[in-house]
Amino acid sequence: MDNISEVYKRASLQKISGFILHGVEDIYEFSDTYEKEIKKTIKEMNNAFRKYFEDEKLITNIMDDIFSFIFVYKKVYFEVGMQCGLLLAKDLIISNE
């Protein structure tokens, strides 16, 4: 039963959400707060764009398009995840009756 106890040791919200979203256990865990992780990622993305583009307005437009894409993508997967969670909860309640 040592394998079962290992599962509980590895269980975290980030790993579970990664598994639900991507089908595999996330290897990347946040090392800081959510806000700092977002700011760090935006800064890295800005630096990457500045390697290829000099026009700040173009970079801003591209970033806006990317954020719009991310918003819709994550919203869809969040709603699908919520529906799956509710169906799972329903199945657990029915199976325990």
Protein backbone atom coordinates (compact mmCIF):
# COMPACT_ATOMS: atom_id res chain seq x y z
CA MET A 1 0.00 0.00 0.00
CA ASP A 2 3.00 2.32 -0.13
CA ASN A 3 1.99 3.31 -3.67
CA ILE A 4 -1.35 4.62 -2.44
CA SER A 5 0.29 6.81 0.21
CA GLU A 6 2.55 8.26 -2.51
CA VAL A 7 -0.55 9.41 -4.41
CA TYR A 8 -1.72 11.42 -1.41
CA LYS A 9 1.72 12.98 -0.96
CA ARG A 10 1.71 14.18 -4.58
CA ALA A 11 -1.87 15.49 -4.50
CA SER A 12 -2.09 19.25 -4.80
CA LEU A 13 -4.56 21.60 -6.42
CA GLN A 14 -2.03 22.58 -9.09
CA LYS A 15 -1.26 18.96 -10.00
CA ILE A 16 -4.92 17.96 -10.06
CA SER A 17 -5.90 20.96 -12.20
CA GLY A 18 -2.98 20.22 -14.53
CA PHE A 19 -4.13 16.64 -14.88
CA ILE A 20 -7.70 17.73 -15.60
CA LEU A 21 -6.62 20.40 -18.11
CA HIS A 22 -3.79 18.55 -19.83
CA GLY A 23 -4.30 14.87 -19.05
CA VAL A 24 -0.94 14.59 -17.31
CA GLU A 25 0.42 15.62 -13.95
CA ASP A 26 1.84 19.13 -14.25
CA ILE A 27 5.56 19.25 -13.75
CA TYR A 28 5.59 23.02 -13.45
CA GLU A 29 4.51 24.25 -10.04
CA PHE A 30 4.22 27.92 -9.22
CA SER A 31 7.12 29.14 -7.15
CA ASP A 32 5.38 32.36 -6.16
CA THR A 33 1.93 33.93 -5.85
CA TYR A 34 -0.45 33.77 -8.79
CA GLU A 35 -0.07 37.52 -9.36
CA LYS A 36 3.74 37.33 -9.45
CA GLU A 37 3.64 34.31 -11.78
CA ILE A 38 1.38 36.20 -14.19
CA LYS A 39 3.58 39.32 -14.07
CA LYS A 40 6.70 37.20 -14.65
CA THR A 41 5.14 35.46 -17.65
CA ILE A 42 3.93 38.75 -19.18
CA LYS A 43 7.41 40.23 -18.77
CA GLU A 44 8.99 37.18 -20.45
CA MET A 45 6.49 37.41 -23.31
CA ASN A 46 7.16 41.14 -23.73
CA ASN A 47 10.91 40.50 -23.86
CA ALA A 48 10.41 37.77 -26.46
CA PHE A 49 8.35 40.10 -28.68
CA ARG A 50 10.92 42.89 -28.37
CA LYS A 51 13.51 40.56 -29.93
CA TYR A 52 11.51 40.50 -33.15
CA PHE A 53 9.49 43.73 -33.17
CA GLU A 54 10.44 47.33 -32.44
CA ASP A 55 7.01 48.91 -32.84
CA GLU A 56 5.44 49.18 -29.37
CA LYS A 57 1.95 49.61 -30.84
CA LEU A 58 2.32 46.37 -32.81
CA ILE A 59 3.53 44.55 -29.70
CA THR A 60 0.55 45.90 -27.73
CA ASN A 61 -1.88 44.80 -30.47
CA ILE A 62 -0.36 41.31 -30.61
CA MET A 63 -0.46 41.02 -26.82
CA ASP A 64 -4.12 42.13 -26.78
CA ASP A 65 -4.96 39.46 -29.36
CA ILE A 66 -3.10 36.82 -27.35
CA PHE A 67 -4.91 37.81 -24.13
CA SER A 68 -8.26 37.66 -25.94
CA PHE A 69 -7.42 34.18 -27.20
CA ILE A 70 -6.31 33.04 -23.74
CA PHE A 71 -9.47 34.43 -22.14
CA VAL A 72 -11.80 32.53 -24.47
CA TYR A 73 -9.71 29.34 -24.35
CA LYS A 74 -9.52 29.23 -20.55
CA LYS A 75 -13.18 30.20 -20.16
CA VAL A 76 -14.26 27.30 -22.36
CA TYR A 77 -12.04 24.81 -20.53
CA PHE A 78 -13.09 26.17 -17.13
CA GLU A 79 -16.75 25.69 -18.00
CA VAL A 80 -16.09 22.20 -19.37
CA GLY A 81 -14.16 21.40 -16.17
CA MET A 82 -17.01 22.68 -14.01
CA GLN A 83 -19.50 20.53 -15.92
CA CYS A 84 -17.24 17.49 -15.56
CA GLY A 85 -16.84 18.20 -11.85
CA LEU A 86 -20.60 18.43 -11.38
CA LEU A 87 -21.15 15.19 -13.29
CA LEU A 88 -18.47 13.51 -11.18
CA ALA A 89 -20.08 14.81 -7.98
CA LYS A 90 -23.48 13.55 -9.18
CA ASP A 91 -22.01 10.10 -9.92
CA LEU A 92 -20.34 9.98 -6.50
CA ILE A 93 -23.59 10.91 -4.74
CA ILE A 94 -25.59 8.33 -6.70
CA SER A 95 -23.00 5.59 -6.11
CA ASN A 96 -23.01 6.28 -2.36
CA GLU A 97 -26.79 6.09 -1.96
